[in-house]
Structures are given as structure tokens and as C-alpha cells.
N, C-alpha and C. Protein backbone atom coordinates (compact mmCIF):
# COMPACT_ATOMS: atom_id res chain seq x y z
N UNK A 1 0.82 -1.20 0.00
CA UNK A 1 0.00 0.00 0.00
C UNK A 1 0.86 1.26 0.00
N UNK A 2 2.00 1.21 0.67
CA UNK A 2 2.85 2.39 0.76
C UNK A 2 3.40 2.83 -0.59
N UNK A 3 3.60 1.91 -1.51
CA UNK A 3 4.16 2.28 -2.82
C UNK A 3 3.12 2.22 -3.92
N UNK A 4 1.84 2.12 -3.55
CA UNK A 4 0.78 2.20 -4.52
C UNK A 4 0.44 0.92 -5.25
N UNK A 5 0.82 -0.23 -4.70
CA UNK A 5 0.47 -1.49 -5.35
C UNK A 5 -1.02 -1.80 -5.19
N UNK A 6 -1.63 -1.28 -4.13
CA UNK A 6 -3.08 -1.42 -3.96
C UNK A 6 -3.57 -0.27 -3.07
N UNK A 7 -4.86 -0.05 -3.08
CA UNK A 7 -5.47 0.99 -2.27
C UNK A 7 -5.67 0.50 -0.83
N UNK A 8 -5.82 1.41 0.10
CA UNK A 8 -5.95 1.03 1.51
C UNK A 8 -7.19 0.19 1.80
N UNK A 9 -8.23 0.33 0.99
CA UNK A 9 -9.47 -0.42 1.23
C UNK A 9 -9.50 -1.77 0.49
N UNK A 10 -8.48 -2.06 -0.33
CA UNK A 10 -8.48 -3.29 -1.12
C UNK A 10 -7.87 -4.47 -0.34
N UNK A 11 -8.36 -5.66 -0.64
CA UNK A 11 -7.80 -6.90 -0.12
C UNK A 11 -7.32 -7.73 -1.31
N UNK A 12 -6.05 -7.58 -1.69
CA UNK A 12 -5.58 -8.23 -2.91
C UNK A 12 -5.38 -9.74 -2.79
N UNK A 13 -5.05 -10.26 -1.60
CA UNK A 13 -4.81 -11.69 -1.42
C UNK A 13 -6.08 -12.35 -0.92
N UNK A 14 -6.53 -13.38 -1.65
CA UNK A 14 -7.76 -14.07 -1.26
C UNK A 14 -7.48 -15.40 -0.56
N UNK A 15 -6.35 -16.05 -0.88
CA UNK A 15 -6.00 -17.34 -0.29
C UNK A 15 -4.49 -17.36 -0.08
N UNK A 16 -4.05 -17.93 1.05
CA UNK A 16 -2.62 -18.13 1.25
C UNK A 16 -2.37 -19.50 1.87
N UNK A 17 -1.28 -20.11 1.48
CA UNK A 17 -0.84 -21.38 2.04
C UNK A 17 0.64 -21.21 2.40
N UNK A 18 1.01 -21.59 3.61
CA UNK A 18 2.37 -21.37 4.09
C UNK A 18 2.91 -22.67 4.66
N UNK A 19 4.17 -22.97 4.32
CA UNK A 19 4.87 -24.05 4.99
C UNK A 19 6.21 -23.50 5.48
N UNK A 20 7.14 -24.36 5.88
CA UNK A 20 8.38 -23.86 6.47
C UNK A 20 9.28 -23.16 5.47
N UNK A 21 9.14 -23.45 4.18
CA UNK A 21 10.06 -22.90 3.19
C UNK A 21 9.40 -21.97 2.19
N UNK A 22 8.11 -22.13 1.94
CA UNK A 22 7.43 -21.37 0.91
C UNK A 22 6.10 -20.82 1.41
N UNK A 23 5.63 -19.81 0.70
CA UNK A 23 4.26 -19.31 0.90
C UNK A 23 3.67 -19.14 -0.50
N UNK A 24 2.46 -19.59 -0.67
CA UNK A 24 1.76 -19.46 -1.94
C UNK A 24 0.52 -18.60 -1.70
N UNK A 25 0.30 -17.65 -2.60
CA UNK A 25 -0.89 -16.81 -2.46
C UNK A 25 -1.69 -16.83 -3.76
N UNK A 26 -2.97 -16.61 -3.62
CA UNK A 26 -3.85 -16.39 -4.76
C UNK A 26 -4.40 -14.98 -4.61
N UNK A 27 -4.33 -14.24 -5.70
CA UNK A 27 -4.77 -12.85 -5.66
C UNK A 27 -6.19 -12.71 -6.19
N UNK A 28 -6.79 -11.60 -5.85
CA UNK A 28 -8.17 -11.31 -6.22
C UNK A 28 -8.38 -11.38 -7.72
N UNK A 29 -7.43 -10.87 -8.50
CA UNK A 29 -7.57 -10.89 -9.96
C UNK A 29 -6.18 -10.83 -10.59
N UNK A 30 -6.13 -10.92 -11.91
CA UNK A 30 -4.84 -10.92 -12.63
C UNK A 30 -4.07 -9.62 -12.41
N UNK A 31 -4.78 -8.51 -12.33
CA UNK A 31 -4.10 -7.23 -12.11
C UNK A 31 -3.36 -7.22 -10.78
N UNK A 32 -4.02 -7.71 -9.72
CA UNK A 32 -3.38 -7.76 -8.41
C UNK A 32 -2.21 -8.75 -8.41
N UNK A 33 -2.35 -9.85 -9.12
CA UNK A 33 -1.24 -10.82 -9.21
C UNK A 33 -0.05 -10.18 -9.90
N UNK A 34 -0.30 -9.43 -10.96
CA UNK A 34 0.79 -8.74 -11.65
C UNK A 34 1.47 -7.73 -10.74
N UNK A 35 0.68 -7.00 -9.96
CA UNK A 35 1.25 -6.02 -9.03
C UNK A 35 2.03 -6.71 -7.92
N UNK A 36 1.58 -7.89 -7.48
CA UNK A 36 2.27 -8.61 -6.41
C UNK A 36 3.68 -9.00 -6.83
N UNK A 37 3.92 -9.20 -8.11
CA UNK A 37 5.26 -9.53 -8.59
C UNK A 37 6.26 -8.43 -8.27
N UNK A 38 5.78 -7.21 -8.10
CA UNK A 38 6.65 -6.09 -7.76
C UNK A 38 7.17 -6.17 -6.33
N UNK A 39 6.69 -7.12 -5.55
CA UNK A 39 7.17 -7.27 -4.18
C UNK A 39 8.42 -8.14 -4.12
N UNK A 40 8.91 -8.59 -5.26
CA UNK A 40 10.15 -9.35 -5.30
C UNK A 40 11.29 -8.51 -4.74
N UNK A 41 12.01 -9.06 -3.79
CA UNK A 41 13.14 -8.35 -3.20
C UNK A 41 12.83 -7.60 -1.92
N UNK A 42 11.61 -7.74 -1.38
CA UNK A 42 11.25 -7.05 -0.14
C UNK A 42 12.03 -7.65 1.02
N UNK A 43 12.75 -6.83 1.80
CA UNK A 43 13.39 -7.35 3.01
C UNK A 43 12.32 -7.71 4.04
N UNK A 44 12.40 -8.93 4.60
CA UNK A 44 11.40 -9.39 5.56
C UNK A 44 12.06 -10.33 6.55
N UNK A 45 12.07 -9.95 7.81
CA UNK A 45 12.64 -10.76 8.89
C UNK A 45 14.05 -11.23 8.59
N UNK A 46 14.87 -10.33 8.06
CA UNK A 46 16.27 -10.65 7.80
C UNK A 46 16.54 -11.41 6.52
N UNK A 47 15.51 -11.66 5.73
CA UNK A 47 15.68 -12.35 4.45
C UNK A 47 15.09 -11.47 3.34
N UNK A 48 15.36 -11.83 2.12
CA UNK A 48 14.82 -11.13 0.97
C UNK A 48 13.76 -12.02 0.32
N UNK A 49 12.53 -11.53 0.23
CA UNK A 49 11.47 -12.33 -0.38
C UNK A 49 11.71 -12.51 -1.87
N UNK A 50 11.41 -13.70 -2.34
CA UNK A 50 11.45 -13.98 -3.78
C UNK A 50 10.01 -14.19 -4.22
N UNK A 51 9.53 -13.33 -5.09
CA UNK A 51 8.15 -13.40 -5.56
C UNK A 51 8.19 -13.69 -7.05
N UNK A 52 7.50 -14.74 -7.46
CA UNK A 52 7.48 -15.10 -8.88
C UNK A 52 6.20 -15.84 -9.21
N UNK A 53 6.01 -16.07 -10.48
CA UNK A 53 4.85 -16.82 -10.93
C UNK A 53 5.06 -18.31 -10.68
N UNK A 54 3.98 -19.09 -10.68
CA UNK A 54 4.12 -20.55 -10.56
C UNK A 54 4.98 -21.08 -11.72
N UNK A 55 5.69 -22.17 -11.49
CA UNK A 55 6.58 -22.71 -12.51
C UNK A 55 5.83 -23.13 -13.77
N UNK A 56 4.56 -23.49 -13.65
CA UNK A 56 3.79 -23.93 -14.82
C UNK A 56 2.91 -22.82 -15.40
N UNK A 57 3.16 -21.59 -15.04
CA UNK A 57 2.37 -20.46 -15.54
C UNK A 57 2.53 -20.34 -17.04
N UNK A 58 1.41 -20.21 -17.76
CA UNK A 58 1.45 -20.13 -19.22
C UNK A 58 0.82 -18.86 -19.76
N UNK A 59 0.40 -17.95 -18.91
CA UNK A 59 -0.24 -16.72 -19.35
C UNK A 59 0.76 -15.71 -19.86
N UNK A 60 0.29 -14.51 -20.14
CA UNK A 60 1.20 -13.47 -20.64
C UNK A 60 2.19 -13.05 -19.57
N UNK A 61 3.39 -12.76 -19.99
CA UNK A 61 4.43 -12.30 -19.06
C UNK A 61 4.36 -10.77 -18.98
N UNK A 62 4.07 -10.26 -17.81
CA UNK A 62 3.96 -8.83 -17.56
C UNK A 62 5.25 -8.39 -16.86
N UNK A 63 5.94 -7.38 -17.39
CA UNK A 63 7.17 -6.94 -16.71
C UNK A 63 6.88 -6.43 -15.30
N UNK A 64 7.76 -6.75 -14.40
CA UNK A 64 7.64 -6.29 -13.01
C UNK A 64 8.97 -5.67 -12.60
N UNK A 65 8.91 -4.81 -11.58
CA UNK A 65 10.11 -4.20 -11.02
C UNK A 65 10.35 -4.78 -9.65
N UNK A 66 11.58 -4.73 -9.19
CA UNK A 66 11.88 -5.21 -7.85
C UNK A 66 11.48 -4.15 -6.83
N UNK A 67 11.41 -4.57 -5.59
CA UNK A 67 11.10 -3.67 -4.49
C UNK A 67 12.10 -2.53 -4.44
N UNK A 68 13.36 -2.84 -4.67
CA UNK A 68 14.39 -1.81 -4.64
C UNK A 68 14.17 -0.78 -5.74
N UNK A 69 13.74 -1.22 -6.92
CA UNK A 69 13.45 -0.29 -8.01
C UNK A 69 12.24 0.58 -7.69
N UNK A 70 11.23 0.00 -7.05
CA UNK A 70 10.02 0.76 -6.71
C UNK A 70 10.27 1.81 -5.64
N UNK A 71 11.07 1.45 -4.65
CA UNK A 71 11.24 2.33 -3.49
C UNK A 71 12.53 3.14 -3.52
N UNK A 72 13.49 2.73 -4.33
CA UNK A 72 14.78 3.39 -4.35
C UNK A 72 15.66 3.00 -3.18
N UNK A 73 15.23 2.00 -2.41
CA UNK A 73 16.00 1.55 -1.26
C UNK A 73 17.00 0.48 -1.69
N UNK A 74 18.14 0.44 -1.02
CA UNK A 74 19.10 -0.63 -1.29
C UNK A 74 18.81 -1.80 -0.36
N UNK A 75 19.38 -2.95 -0.67
CA UNK A 75 19.21 -4.13 0.19
C UNK A 75 19.92 -3.91 1.51
N UNK A 76 19.32 -4.36 2.61
CA UNK A 76 20.02 -4.28 3.90
C UNK A 76 21.28 -5.13 3.84
N UNK A 77 22.34 -4.68 4.48
CA UNK A 77 23.61 -5.41 4.42
C UNK A 77 23.54 -6.77 5.05
N UNK A 78 22.69 -6.96 6.06
CA UNK A 78 22.61 -8.25 6.73
C UNK A 78 21.52 -9.16 6.18
N UNK A 79 20.89 -8.79 5.06
CA UNK A 79 19.80 -9.58 4.49
C UNK A 79 20.35 -10.86 3.86
N UNK A 80 19.60 -11.93 4.03
CA UNK A 80 19.95 -13.22 3.45
C UNK A 80 19.21 -13.36 2.13
N UNK A 81 19.94 -13.63 1.05
CA UNK A 81 19.33 -13.71 -0.28
C UNK A 81 18.64 -15.04 -0.54
N UNK A 82 19.04 -16.10 0.14
CA UNK A 82 18.50 -17.42 -0.13
C UNK A 82 18.22 -18.11 1.19
N UNK A 83 17.12 -18.85 1.26
CA UNK A 83 16.75 -19.50 2.52
C UNK A 83 17.76 -20.56 2.92
N UNK A 84 18.60 -21.04 2.00
CA UNK A 84 19.58 -22.06 2.34
C UNK A 84 20.85 -21.46 2.95
N UNK A 85 20.97 -20.14 2.94
CA UNK A 85 22.18 -19.50 3.47
C UNK A 85 22.16 -19.45 4.98
């Protein structure tokens, strides 16, 4: 909401499933799913989120920007890029 990916009154995520390594979300519509891709690279609890389409996605590819490109912020120095690190 802070960078304009959705309005304050909107609920873009309709379903979420979380396990120890991954989280899967379903968005309200294709537009919200496309906007969610812009959250790639968000620093969260000392790690960097990786946001992408499902591996079997066959729809149109919409360009997305990283969180750093949207906000102009650099990555935190102590952020972990991969969950295996």
C-alpha cells in the first residue's frame, strides 16, 4: 500500500498457504497478481522475499520491477538472499 500497489481499502490476497520454506498466495484478480510480482526483493525478517509466478504459468508475461526499483532503497547489508544461506 505504501508504494501504490493497492489501495488502503483493497484486499488483494484471497488465499494463502504457508509451509516452512514457501508461501503461496492467490490474488483477487490478474491485475493484483501482476502487481504482487513487484514485491520481489522485499526485506522481511532478515531475508529477501522472492516473488514469482508458478513454474507452470502459461499466461502473458507482464514486466515487473523489484522492491528496490520501486522504493529506491538498497538491500540491507545483513539480508539473506536465499533460505539455504
